Amino acid sequence: MKTVTLDILNDKAMNLLKELELLKLVRVRRQTSTGKELKKDLIAKYKGAMTPQSKDEIDRQLQDLRNEWE
């Protein structure tokens, strides 16, 4: 089985896909959210996940991580 993504440009194409689905040649999955909605969901999910840190604190943490590899 292969998966492809299609942009439907005409309603006739959607009708053809429905007919192919009835013949059990393809399976049509309707996308529930658009790219913009998905982006908003991800922003909401991770908003506030990281606490603000000073540049010096970040530099110190990076240096500590680098030293662990030596």
PDB file of N, CA and C in Angstrom:
ATOM      1  N   MET A   1       0.840  -1.168   0.000  1.00  0.00           N
ATOM      2  CA  MET A   1       0.000   0.000   0.000  1.00  0.00           C
ATOM      3  C   MET A   1       0.890   1.237   0.000  1.00  0.00           C
ATOM      4  N   LYS A   2       0.513   2.239  -0.785  1.00  0.00           N
ATOM      5  CA  LYS A   2       1.228   3.503  -0.865  1.00  0.00           C
ATOM      6  C   LYS A   2       0.288   4.615  -0.422  1.00  0.00           C
ATOM      7  N   THR A   3       0.853   5.630   0.192  1.00  0.00           N
ATOM      8  CA  THR A   3       0.076   6.782   0.616  1.00  0.00           C
ATOM      9  C   THR A   3       0.512   7.992  -0.171  1.00  0.00           C
ATOM     10  N   VAL A   4      -0.470   8.717  -0.701  1.00  0.00           N
ATOM     11  CA  VAL A   4      -0.198   9.959  -1.416  1.00  0.00           C
ATOM     12  C   VAL A   4      -1.138  11.039  -0.891  1.00  0.00           C
ATOM     13  N   THR A   5      -0.723  12.277  -1.049  1.00  0.00           N
ATOM     14  CA  THR A   5      -1.565  13.406  -0.667  1.00  0.00           C
ATOM     15  C   THR A   5      -1.973  14.129  -1.937  1.00  0.00           C
ATOM     16  N   LEU A   6      -3.250  14.411  -2.054  1.00  0.00           N
ATOM     17  CA  LEU A   6      -3.781  15.063  -3.247  1.00  0.00           C
ATOM     18  C   LEU A   6      -4.408  16.400  -2.879  1.00  0.00           C
ATOM     19  N   ASP A   7      -4.287  17.355  -3.765  1.00  0.00           N
ATOM     20  CA  ASP A   7      -5.043  18.594  -3.661  1.00  0.00           C
ATOM     21  C   ASP A   7      -6.198  18.485  -4.637  1.00  0.00           C
ATOM     22  N   ILE A   8      -7.406  18.533  -4.128  1.00  0.00           N
ATOM     23  CA  ILE A   8      -8.591  18.412  -4.976  1.00  0.00           C
ATOM     24  C   ILE A   8      -8.883  19.785  -5.577  1.00  0.00           C
ATOM     25  N   LEU A   9      -8.814  19.874  -6.894  1.00  0.00           N
ATOM     26  CA  LEU A   9      -9.015  21.145  -7.584  1.00  0.00           C
ATOM     27  C   LEU A   9     -10.432  21.295  -8.124  1.00  0.00           C
ATOM     28  N   ASN A  10     -11.146  20.187  -8.197  1.00  0.00           N
ATOM     29  CA  ASN A  10     -12.475  20.214  -8.787  1.00  0.00           C
ATOM     30  C   ASN A  10     -13.330  19.168  -8.075  1.00  0.00           C
ATOM     31  N   ASP A  11     -14.591  19.484  -7.855  1.00  0.00           N
ATOM     32  CA  ASP A  11     -15.491  18.543  -7.178  1.00  0.00           C
ATOM     33  C   ASP A  11     -15.663  17.239  -7.948  1.00  0.00           C
ATOM     34  N   LYS A  12     -15.479  17.290  -9.257  1.00  0.00           N
ATOM     35  CA  LYS A  12     -15.586  16.071 -10.064  1.00  0.00           C
ATOM     36  C   LYS A  12     -14.515  15.064  -9.650  1.00  0.00           C
ATOM     37  N   ALA A  13     -13.346  15.560  -9.300  1.00  0.00           N
ATOM     38  CA  ALA A  13     -12.269  14.671  -8.871  1.00  0.00           C
ATOM     39  C   ALA A  13     -12.655  13.966  -7.571  1.00  0.00           C
ATOM     40  N   MET A  14     -13.298  14.682  -6.672  1.00  0.00           N
ATOM     41  CA  MET A  14     -13.726  14.069  -5.416  1.00  0.00           C
ATOM     42  C   MET A  14     -14.765  12.981  -5.676  1.00  0.00           C
ATOM     43  N   ASN A  15     -15.652  13.241  -6.625  1.00  0.00           N
ATOM     44  CA  ASN A  15     -16.647  12.224  -6.983  1.00  0.00           C
ATOM     45  C   ASN A  15     -15.981  10.977  -7.549  1.00  0.00           C
ATOM     46  N   LEU A  16     -14.970  11.169  -8.369  1.00  0.00           N
ATOM     47  CA  LEU A  16     -14.240  10.023  -8.926  1.00  0.00           C
ATOM     48  C   LEU A  16     -13.558   9.227  -7.816  1.00  0.00           C
ATOM     49  N   LEU A  17     -12.969   9.932  -6.858  1.00  0.00           N
ATOM     50  CA  LEU A  17     -12.318   9.241  -5.735  1.00  0.00           C
ATOM     51  C   LEU A  17     -13.328   8.446  -4.912  1.00  0.00           C
ATOM     52  N   LYS A  18     -14.512   9.001  -4.729  1.00  0.00           N
ATOM     53  CA  LYS A  18     -15.560   8.283  -3.987  1.00  0.00           C
ATOM     54  C   LYS A  18     -15.963   7.004  -4.724  1.00  0.00           C
ATOM     55  N   GLU A  19     -16.032   7.107  -6.050  1.00  0.00           N
ATOM     56  CA  GLU A  19     -16.366   5.915  -6.838  1.00  0.00           C
ATOM     57  C   GLU A  19     -15.264   4.861  -6.733  1.00  0.00           C
ATOM     58  N   LEU A  20     -14.014   5.276  -6.763  1.00  0.00           N
ATOM     59  CA  LEU A  20     -12.902   4.337  -6.595  1.00  0.00           C
ATOM     60  C   LEU A  20     -12.937   3.699  -5.210  1.00  0.00           C
ATOM     61  N   GLU A  21     -13.363   4.469  -4.235  1.00  0.00           N
ATOM     62  CA  GLU A  21     -13.464   3.931  -2.885  1.00  0.00           C
ATOM     63  C   GLU A  21     -14.562   2.868  -2.805  1.00  0.00           C
ATOM     64  N   LEU A  22     -15.674   3.108  -3.488  1.00  0.00           N
ATOM     65  CA  LEU A  22     -16.758   2.120  -3.511  1.00  0.00           C
ATOM     66  C   LEU A  22     -16.309   0.819  -4.166  1.00  0.00           C
ATOM     67  N   LEU A  23     -15.406   0.931  -5.147  1.00  0.00           N
ATOM     68  CA  LEU A  23     -14.867  -0.257  -5.811  1.00  0.00           C
ATOM     69  C   LEU A  23     -13.746  -0.913  -5.009  1.00  0.00           C
ATOM     70  N   LYS A  24     -13.455  -0.340  -3.833  1.00  0.00           N
ATOM     71  CA  LYS A  24     -12.401  -0.831  -2.941  1.00  0.00           C
ATOM     72  C   LYS A  24     -11.029  -0.811  -3.608  1.00  0.00           C
ATOM     73  N   LEU A  25     -10.806   0.231  -4.408  1.00  0.00           N
ATOM     74  CA  LEU A  25      -9.514   0.420  -5.037  1.00  0.00           C
ATOM     75  C   LEU A  25      -8.647   1.409  -4.262  1.00  0.00           C
ATOM     76  N   VAL A  26      -9.301   2.334  -3.581  1.00  0.00           N
ATOM     77  CA  VAL A  26      -8.590   3.326  -2.768  1.00  0.00           C
ATOM     78  C   VAL A  26      -9.374   3.554  -1.480  1.00  0.00           C
ATOM     79  N   ARG A  27      -8.713   4.147  -0.518  1.00  0.00           N
ATOM     80  CA  ARG A  27      -9.384   4.567   0.721  1.00  0.00           C
ATOM     81  C   ARG A  27      -9.164   6.067   0.854  1.00  0.00           C
ATOM     82  N   VAL A  28     -10.240   6.800   1.017  1.00  0.00           N
ATOM     83  CA  VAL A  28     -10.152   8.247   1.140  1.00  0.00           C
ATOM     84  C   VAL A  28     -10.180   8.597   2.625  1.00  0.00           C
ATOM     85  N   ARG A  29      -9.164   9.322   3.043  1.00  0.00           N
ATOM     86  CA  ARG A  29      -9.123   9.812   4.423  1.00  0.00           C
ATOM     87  C   ARG A  29      -9.293  11.317   4.381  1.00  0.00           C
ATOM     88  N   ARG A  30     -10.285  11.773   5.056  1.00  0.00           N
ATOM     89  CA  ARG A  30     -10.501  13.207   5.078  1.00  0.00           C
ATOM     90  C   ARG A  30      -9.622  13.839   6.146  1.00  0.00           C
ATOM     91  N   GLN A  31      -8.939  14.905   5.778  1.00  0.00           N
ATOM     92  CA  GLN A  31      -8.062  15.595   6.708  1.00  0.00           C
ATOM     93  C   GLN A  31      -8.929  16.483   7.581  1.00  0.00           C
ATOM     94  N   THR A  32      -8.765  16.353   8.896  1.00  0.00           N
ATOM     95  CA  THR A  32      -9.624  17.083   9.817  1.00  0.00           C
ATOM     96  C   THR A  32      -9.155  18.499  10.076  1.00  0.00           C
ATOM     97  N   SER A  33      -7.858  18.759   9.945  1.00  0.00           N
ATOM     98  CA  SER A  33      -7.381  20.104  10.218  1.00  0.00           C
ATOM     99  C   SER A  33      -6.426  20.554   9.120  1.00  0.00           C
ATOM    100  N   THR A  34      -6.407  21.843   8.895  1.00  0.00           N
ATOM    101  CA  THR A  34      -5.510  22.402   7.893  1.00  0.00           C
ATOM    102  C   THR A  34      -4.148  22.640   8.511  1.00  0.00           C
ATOM    103  N   GLY A  35      -3.200  23.003   7.700  1.00  0.00           N
ATOM    104  CA  GLY A  35      -1.857  23.281   8.191  1.00  0.00           C
ATOM    105  C   GLY A  35      -1.832  24.402   9.218  1.00  0.00           C
ATOM    106  N   LYS A  36      -2.634  25.456   8.976  1.00  0.00           N
ATOM    107  CA  LYS A  36      -2.681  26.575   9.920  1.00  0.00           C
ATOM    108  C   LYS A  36      -3.236  26.123  11.262  1.00  0.00           C
ATOM    109  N   GLU A  37      -4.310  25.330  11.225  1.00  0.00           N
ATOM    110  CA  GLU A  37      -4.900  24.843  12.473  1.00  0.00           C
ATOM    111  C   GLU A  37      -3.925  23.953  13.219  1.00  0.00           C
ATOM    112  N   LEU A  38      -3.197  23.120  12.497  1.00  0.00           N
ATOM    113  CA  LEU A  38      -2.213  22.246  13.119  1.00  0.00           C
ATOM    114  C   LEU A  38      -1.114  23.064  13.788  1.00  0.00           C
ATOM    115  N   LYS A  39      -0.670  24.126  13.117  1.00  0.00           N
ATOM    116  CA  LYS A  39       0.369  24.987  13.669  1.00  0.00           C
ATOM    117  C   LYS A  39      -0.121  25.647  14.960  1.00  0.00           C
ATOM    118  N   LYS A  40      -1.367  26.121  14.955  1.00  0.00           N
ATOM    119  CA  LYS A  40      -1.931  26.740  16.153  1.00  0.00           C
ATOM    120  C   LYS A  40      -2.015  25.733  17.291  1.00  0.00           C
ATOM    121  N   ASP A  41      -2.397  24.498  16.977  1.00  0.00           N
ATOM    122  CA  ASP A  41      -2.474  23.452  18.000  1.00  0.00           C
ATOM    123  C   ASP A  41      -1.107  23.191  18.613  1.00  0.00           C
ATOM    124  N   LEU A  42      -0.071  23.133  17.782  1.00  0.00           N
ATOM    125  CA  LEU A  42       1.276  22.890  18.288  1.00  0.00           C
ATOM    126  C   LEU A  42       1.765  24.052  19.141  1.00  0.00           C
ATOM    127  N   ILE A  43       1.438  25.271  18.716  1.00  0.00           N
ATOM    128  CA  ILE A  43       1.838  26.436  19.508  1.00  0.00           C
ATOM    129  C   ILE A  43       1.172  26.376  20.875  1.00  0.00           C
ATOM    130  N   ALA A  44      -0.116  26.071  20.898  1.00  0.00           N
ATOM    131  CA  ALA A  44      -0.839  25.996  22.162  1.00  0.00           C
ATOM    132  C   ALA A  44      -0.293  24.864  23.033  1.00  0.00           C
ATOM    133  N   LYS A  45       0.083  23.773  22.412  1.00  0.00           N
ATOM    134  CA  LYS A  45       0.575  22.614  23.159  1.00  0.00           C
ATOM    135  C   LYS A  45       1.900  22.913  23.857  1.00  0.00           C
ATOM    136  N   TYR A  46       2.797  23.620  23.171  1.00  0.00           N
ATOM    137  CA  TYR A  46       4.135  23.825  23.718  1.00  0.00           C
ATOM    138  C   TYR A  46       4.366  25.220  24.305  1.00  0.00           C
ATOM    139  N   LYS A  47       3.361  26.080  24.251  1.00  0.00           N
ATOM    140  CA  LYS A  47       3.522  27.427  24.778  1.00  0.00           C
ATOM    141  C   LYS A  47       3.813  27.363  26.277  1.00  0.00           C
ATOM    142  N   GLY A  48       4.876  28.009  26.689  1.00  0.00           N
ATOM    143  CA  GLY A  48       5.249  28.024  28.101  1.00  0.00           C
ATOM    144  C   GLY A  48       6.020  26.800  28.547  1.00  0.00           C
ATOM    145  N   ALA A  49       6.380  25.912  27.619  1.00  0.00           N
ATOM    146  CA  ALA A  49       7.095  24.687  27.987  1.00  0.00           C
ATOM    147  C   ALA A  49       8.512  24.992  28.453  1.00  0.00           C
ATOM    148  N   MET A  50       9.094  26.048  27.931  1.00  0.00           N
ATOM    149  CA  MET A  50      10.443  26.436  28.339  1.00  0.00           C
ATOM    150  C   MET A  50      10.353  27.720  29.158  1.00  0.00           C
ATOM    151  N   THR A  51      11.095  27.764  30.230  1.00  0.00           N
ATOM    152  CA  THR A  51      11.114  28.967  31.046  1.00  0.00           C
ATOM    153  C   THR A  51      12.147  29.936  30.494  1.00  0.00           C
ATOM    154  N   PRO A  52      11.884  31.222  30.597  1.00  0.00           N
ATOM    155  CA  PRO A  52      12.867  32.197  30.114  1.00  0.00           C
ATOM    156  C   PRO A  52      14.171  32.082  30.911  1.00  0.00           C
ATOM    157  N   GLN A  53      15.293  32.147  30.217  1.00  0.00           N
ATOM    158  CA  GLN A  53      16.594  32.053  30.865  1.00  0.00           C
ATOM    159  C   GLN A  53      17.501  33.155  30.326  1.00  0.00           C
ATOM    160  N   SER A  54      18.422  33.570  31.150  1.00  0.00           N
ATOM    161  CA  SER A  54      19.388  34.567  30.705  1.00  0.00           C
ATOM    162  C   SER A  54      20.406  33.905  29.780  1.00  0.00           C
ATOM    163  N   LYS A  55      21.061  34.750  29.007  1.00  0.00           N
ATOM    164  CA  LYS A  55      22.084  34.251  28.083  1.00  0.00           C
ATOM    165  C   LYS A  55      23.205  33.558  28.850  1.00  0.00           C
ATOM    166  N   ASP A  56      23.575  34.108  29.977  1.00  0.00           N
ATOM    167  CA  ASP A  56      24.650  33.509  30.783  1.00  0.00           C
ATOM    168  C   ASP A  56      24.271  32.115  31.280  1.00  0.00           C
ATOM    169  N   GLU A  57      23.026  31.940  31.694  1.00  0.00           N
ATOM    170  CA  GLU A  57      22.561  30.635  32.178  1.00  0.00           C
ATOM    171  C   GLU A  57      22.587  29.606  31.046  1.00  0.00           C
ATOM    172  N   ILE A  58      22.162  30.011  29.860  1.00  0.00           N
ATOM    173  CA  ILE A  58      22.171  29.101  28.705  1.00  0.00           C
ATOM    174  C   ILE A  58      23.605  28.725  28.349  1.00  0.00           C
ATOM    175  N   ASP A  59      24.502  29.718  28.342  1.00  0.00           N
ATOM    176  CA  ASP A  59      25.914  29.451  28.045  1.00  0.00           C
ATOM    177  C   ASP A  59      26.516  28.475  29.052  1.00  0.00           C
ATOM    178  N   ARG A  60      26.174  28.629  30.323  1.00  0.00           N
ATOM    179  CA  ARG A  60      26.687  27.735  31.360  1.00  0.00           C
ATOM    180  C   ARG A  60      26.193  26.309  31.136  1.00  0.00           C
ATOM    181  N   GLN A  61      24.919  26.167  30.828  1.00  0.00           N
ATOM    182  CA  GLN A  61      24.359  24.833  30.581  1.00  0.00           C
ATOM    183  C   GLN A  61      25.005  24.184  29.358  1.00  0.00           C
ATOM    184  N   LEU A  62      25.222  24.959  28.308  1.00  0.00           N
ATOM    185  CA  LEU A  62      25.886  24.416  27.114  1.00  0.00           C
ATOM    186  C   LEU A  62      27.307  23.974  27.427  1.00  0.00           C
ATOM    187  N   GLN A  63      28.008  24.773  28.198  1.00  0.00           N
ATOM    188  CA  GLN A  63      29.377  24.419  28.573  1.00  0.00           C
ATOM    189  C   GLN A  63      29.397  23.137  29.401  1.00  0.00           C
ATOM    190  N   ASP A  64      28.448  23.008  30.334  1.00  0.00           N
ATOM    191  CA  ASP A  64      28.352  21.783  31.135  1.00  0.00           C
ATOM    192  C   ASP A  64      28.118  20.563  30.251  1.00  0.00           C
ATOM    193  N   LEU A  65      27.229  20.709  29.262  1.00  0.00           N
ATOM    194  CA  LEU A  65      26.963  19.582  28.362  1.00  0.00           C
ATOM    195  C   LEU A  65      28.191  19.223  27.531  1.00  0.00           C
ATOM    196  N   ARG A  66      28.892  20.230  27.067  1.00  0.00           N
ATOM    197  CA  ARG A  66      30.114  19.968  26.281  1.00  0.00           C
ATOM    198  C   ARG A  66      31.179  19.267  27.136  1.00  0.00           C
ATOM    199  N   ASN A  67      31.288  19.690  28.382  1.00  0.00           N
ATOM    200  CA  ASN A  67      32.296  19.091  29.281  1.00  0.00           C
ATOM    201  C   ASN A  67      31.983  17.626  29.566  1.00  0.00           C
ATOM    202  N   GLU A  68      30.716  17.244  29.559  1.00  0.00           N
ATOM    203  CA  GLU A  68      30.339  15.848  29.802  1.00  0.00           C
ATOM    204  C   GLU A  68      30.885  14.926  28.720  1.00  0.00           C
ATOM    205  N   TRP A  69      31.083  15.438  27.521  1.00  0.00           N
ATOM    206  CA  TRP A  69      31.549  14.628  26.405  1.00  0.00           C
ATOM    207  C   TRP A  69      33.061  14.452  26.407  1.00  0.00           C
ATOM    208  N   GLU A  70      33.753  15.230  27.191  1.00  0.00           N
ATOM    209  CA  GLU A  70      35.215  15.156  27.200  1.00  0.00           C
ATOM    210  C   GLU A  70      35.719  14.093  28.147  1.00  0.00           C
TER     211      GLU A  70
END
